[in-house]
Protein backbone atom coordinates (compact mmCIF):
# COMPACT_ATOMS: atom_id res chain seq x y z
CA UNK A 1 76.39 165.41 120.75
CA UNK A 2 76.92 163.97 124.07
CA UNK A 3 77.51 167.26 125.85
CA UNK A 4 74.15 168.06 127.52
CA UNK A 5 72.98 171.80 128.19
CA UNK A 6 70.75 170.45 131.05
CA UNK A 7 71.27 172.52 134.03
CA UNK A 8 71.67 175.88 132.00
CA UNK A 9 68.19 176.59 132.48
CA UNK A 10 66.29 178.59 129.75
CA UNK A 11 69.20 180.47 128.30
CA UNK A 12 72.47 178.79 129.71
CA UNK A 13 73.11 180.86 132.77
CA UNK A 14 72.08 178.18 135.07
CA UNK A 15 70.33 180.83 137.06
CA UNK A 16 67.97 179.06 139.60
CA UNK A 17 69.29 175.74 139.46
CA UNK A 18 71.10 173.97 142.04
CA UNK A 19 74.85 173.81 142.25
CA UNK A 20 76.22 170.65 140.62
CA UNK A 21 72.79 169.77 139.15
CA UNK A 22 74.20 169.63 135.65
CA UNK A 23 77.16 167.41 136.34
CA UNK A 24 74.78 165.16 138.22
CA UNK A 25 72.17 164.74 135.72
CA UNK A 26 74.78 164.22 133.04
CA UNK A 27 76.25 161.46 135.03
CA UNK A 28 72.87 159.82 135.64
CA UNK A 29 72.01 159.96 131.73
CA UNK A 30 75.52 158.49 130.94
CA UNK A 31 74.85 155.71 133.74
CA UNK A 32 71.40 155.07 132.24
CA UNK A 33 72.36 154.76 128.37
CA UNK A 34 76.17 153.55 128.89
CA UNK A 35 77.04 156.51 126.74
CA UNK A 36 79.55 159.14 127.46
CA UNK A 37 77.36 161.98 128.25
CA UNK A 38 78.81 165.04 130.10
CA UNK A 39 77.77 168.42 130.91
CA UNK A 40 78.34 171.07 128.30
CA UNK A 41 81.14 173.52 129.18
CA UNK A 42 79.37 176.22 127.52
CA UNK A 43 75.79 175.84 127.99
CA UNK A 44 74.96 178.87 126.02
CA UNK A 45 76.49 177.28 122.81
CA UNK A 46 74.72 174.07 123.78
CA UNK A 47 71.32 175.45 123.82
CA UNK A 48 71.61 177.98 120.91
CA UNK A 49 73.50 175.83 118.26
CA UNK A 50 73.61 172.17 117.41
CA UNK A 51 76.56 172.17 115.34
CA UNK A 52 77.66 168.57 116.17
CA UNK A 53 74.14 167.45 114.70
CA UNK A 54 74.70 169.34 111.52
CA UNK A 55 78.37 168.12 111.21
CA UNK A 56 77.25 164.25 111.91
CA UNK A 57 74.51 164.63 109.38
CA UNK A 58 76.97 166.11 106.81
CA UNK A 59 79.04 162.77 107.34
CA UNK A 60 75.76 160.86 106.59
CA UNK A 61 75.00 162.93 103.67
CA UNK A 62 78.69 162.24 102.16
CA UNK A 63 78.11 158.68 102.80
CA UNK A 64 74.81 158.76 101.11
CA UNK A 65 76.33 160.50 98.07
CA UNK A 66 79.10 157.75 97.72
CA UNK A 67 76.31 155.06 98.18
CA UNK A 68 74.35 156.62 95.52
CA UNK A 69 77.11 156.59 93.00
CA UNK A 70 78.15 152.86 93.78
CA UNK A 71 74.28 151.93 93.52
CA UNK A 72 74.21 153.68 90.20
CA UNK A 73 77.38 152.52 88.77
CA UNK A 74 76.27 148.84 89.52
CA UNK A 75 72.74 149.43 87.95
CA UNK A 76 74.25 150.66 84.81
CA UNK A 77 77.04 148.09 84.49
CA UNK A 78 74.27 145.30 85.12
CA UNK A 79 71.70 146.96 82.35
CA UNK A 80 70.77 144.43 79.71
CA UNK A 81 70.50 141.91 78.24
CA UNK A 82 69.92 143.30 74.73
CA UNK A 83 71.41 146.77 75.15
CA UNK A 84 72.99 148.58 78.06
CA UNK A 85 76.75 147.83 79.25
CA UNK A 86 75.93 144.29 80.85
CA UNK A 87 79.25 143.90 82.08
CA UNK A 88 77.86 142.71 85.72
CA UNK A 89 75.30 140.14 86.35
CA UNK A 90 73.27 141.05 89.11
CA UNK A 91 71.41 138.63 91.68
CA UNK A 92 67.82 137.64 90.45
CA UNK A 93 65.74 138.96 93.54
CA UNK A 94 62.86 139.89 91.35
CA UNK A 95 63.60 138.44 87.85
CA UNK A 96 61.85 139.24 84.73
CA UNK A 97 60.02 142.00 83.09
CA UNK A 98 56.68 141.86 81.57
CA UNK A 99 58.19 144.00 78.56
CA UNK A 100 61.75 142.74 78.55
CA UNK A 101 62.43 138.96 78.74
CA UNK A 102 65.54 138.05 80.39
CA UNK A 103 66.06 141.60 82.15
CA UNK A 104 67.01 141.48 85.74
CA UNK A 105 65.48 144.51 87.50
CA UNK A 106 68.00 146.61 89.47
CA UNK A 107 65.71 146.68 92.28
CA UNK A 108 68.52 146.80 95.32
CA UNK A 109 70.14 149.48 93.37
CA UNK A 110 66.96 151.41 93.29
CA UNK A 111 66.14 150.98 96.87
CA UNK A 112 69.40 152.11 97.95
CA UNK A 113 69.36 155.18 95.79
CA UNK A 114 65.87 156.16 97.40
CA UNK A 115 67.24 155.73 100.95
CA UNK A 116 70.06 157.99 99.82
CA UNK A 117 67.89 160.83 98.59
CA UNK A 118 65.96 160.45 101.93
CA UNK A 119 69.15 160.99 103.67
CA UNK A 120 70.16 163.85 101.69
CA UNK A 121 66.59 165.28 102.33
CA UNK A 122 66.98 164.85 106.12
CA UNK A 123 70.42 166.77 106.03
CA UNK A 124 68.61 169.61 104.54
CA UNK A 125 66.09 169.42 107.29
CA UNK A 126 68.97 169.29 109.75
CA UNK A 127 71.00 172.08 108.23
CA UNK A 128 67.96 174.36 108.38
CA UNK A 129 67.35 173.35 112.03
CA UNK A 130 70.87 174.14 112.83
CA UNK A 131 70.75 177.60 111.20
CA UNK A 132 67.60 178.37 113.32
CA UNK A 133 69.24 178.61 116.67
CA UNK A 134 68.01 182.41 117.17
CA UNK A 135 69.85 184.28 120.18
CA UNK A 136 70.01 181.68 123.04
CA UNK A 137 67.64 179.10 121.79
CA UNK A 138 67.15 176.47 119.20
CA UNK A 139 63.65 175.17 119.04
CA UNK A 140 64.41 172.84 116.19
CA UNK A 141 66.29 170.19 118.33
CA UNK A 142 63.32 167.78 118.04
CA UNK A 143 63.59 167.92 114.28
CA UNK A 144 67.09 167.57 113.86
CA UNK A 145 67.35 164.69 116.50
CA UNK A 146 64.42 162.67 114.69
CA UNK A 147 65.97 163.43 110.99
CA UNK A 148 69.41 162.37 112.30
CA UNK A 149 68.28 159.05 114.11
CA UNK A 150 66.18 158.49 110.82
CA UNK A 151 69.26 158.86 108.60
CA UNK A 152 71.50 156.85 110.82
CA UNK A 153 69.03 154.01 110.87
CA UNK A 154 68.35 154.32 106.94
CA UNK A 155 72.16 154.21 106.12
CA UNK A 156 72.94 151.44 108.52
CA UNK A 157 69.97 149.10 107.39
CA UNK A 158 70.18 149.93 103.55
CA UNK A 159 73.83 149.38 103.60
CA UNK A 160 73.35 145.83 105.18
CA UNK A 161 70.42 144.81 102.86
CA UNK A 162 72.59 146.19 99.96
CA UNK A 163 75.42 143.93 100.59
CA UNK A 164 73.35 140.90 101.49
CA UNK A 165 70.86 141.21 98.58
CA UNK A 166 73.01 142.46 95.79
CA UNK A 167 76.76 142.73 96.29
CA UNK A 168 77.42 139.33 97.69
CA UNK A 169 75.80 137.88 94.47
CA UNK A 170 77.29 140.17 91.77
CA UNK A 171 79.34 138.22 89.13
CA UNK A 172 81.49 139.69 86.04
CA UNK A 173 79.86 138.92 82.97
CA UNK A 174 83.29 137.70 81.66
CA UNK A 175 81.62 137.02 77.67
CA UNK A 176 80.35 140.48 77.67
CA UNK A 177 83.43 142.15 78.94
CA UNK A 178 85.80 140.05 76.88
CA UNK A 179 83.61 141.02 73.68
CA UNK A 180 83.58 144.65 74.54
CA UNK A 181 87.67 144.45 75.03
CA UNK A 182 88.19 142.95 71.86
CA UNK A 183 85.71 145.18 69.48
CA UNK A 184 87.47 147.40 67.20
């Protein structure tokens, strides 16, 4: 994603641009951002395909799938108090229920799973964008960049929040676990 097509002009040939412009603009962007931007070796590929965006989004999609599983496992293990597994005691961030006294709502798990669903949706948009690089130009890059940045921010912020507001406060329900272990 740090390979820039700038200087390739409309289709990657570099026709009608000054010699060395591509290298100079990449160096200027790298200096400004403090990131390792370089000029793309193959400007045709850099303009037509955005595989690095799709691959990066795929990694975020995998993380989202893992986080979804973790959040749901914690939610189910913390279900109760009268029925459910009840092997975990979740932090009481928003305690109580109008219809189930003693219930702790798994709001942090629910929030994380919604974020995961959004990241998965963003991945679909990025995948569609990546597949629409017709001939020499892919005009979906703004959509792809926006969705990718959104996913990065969501995964980062939601993971930190989940650790702070849920994971750090989880306790094993030793009485319930013991009871389940000794039932015949």
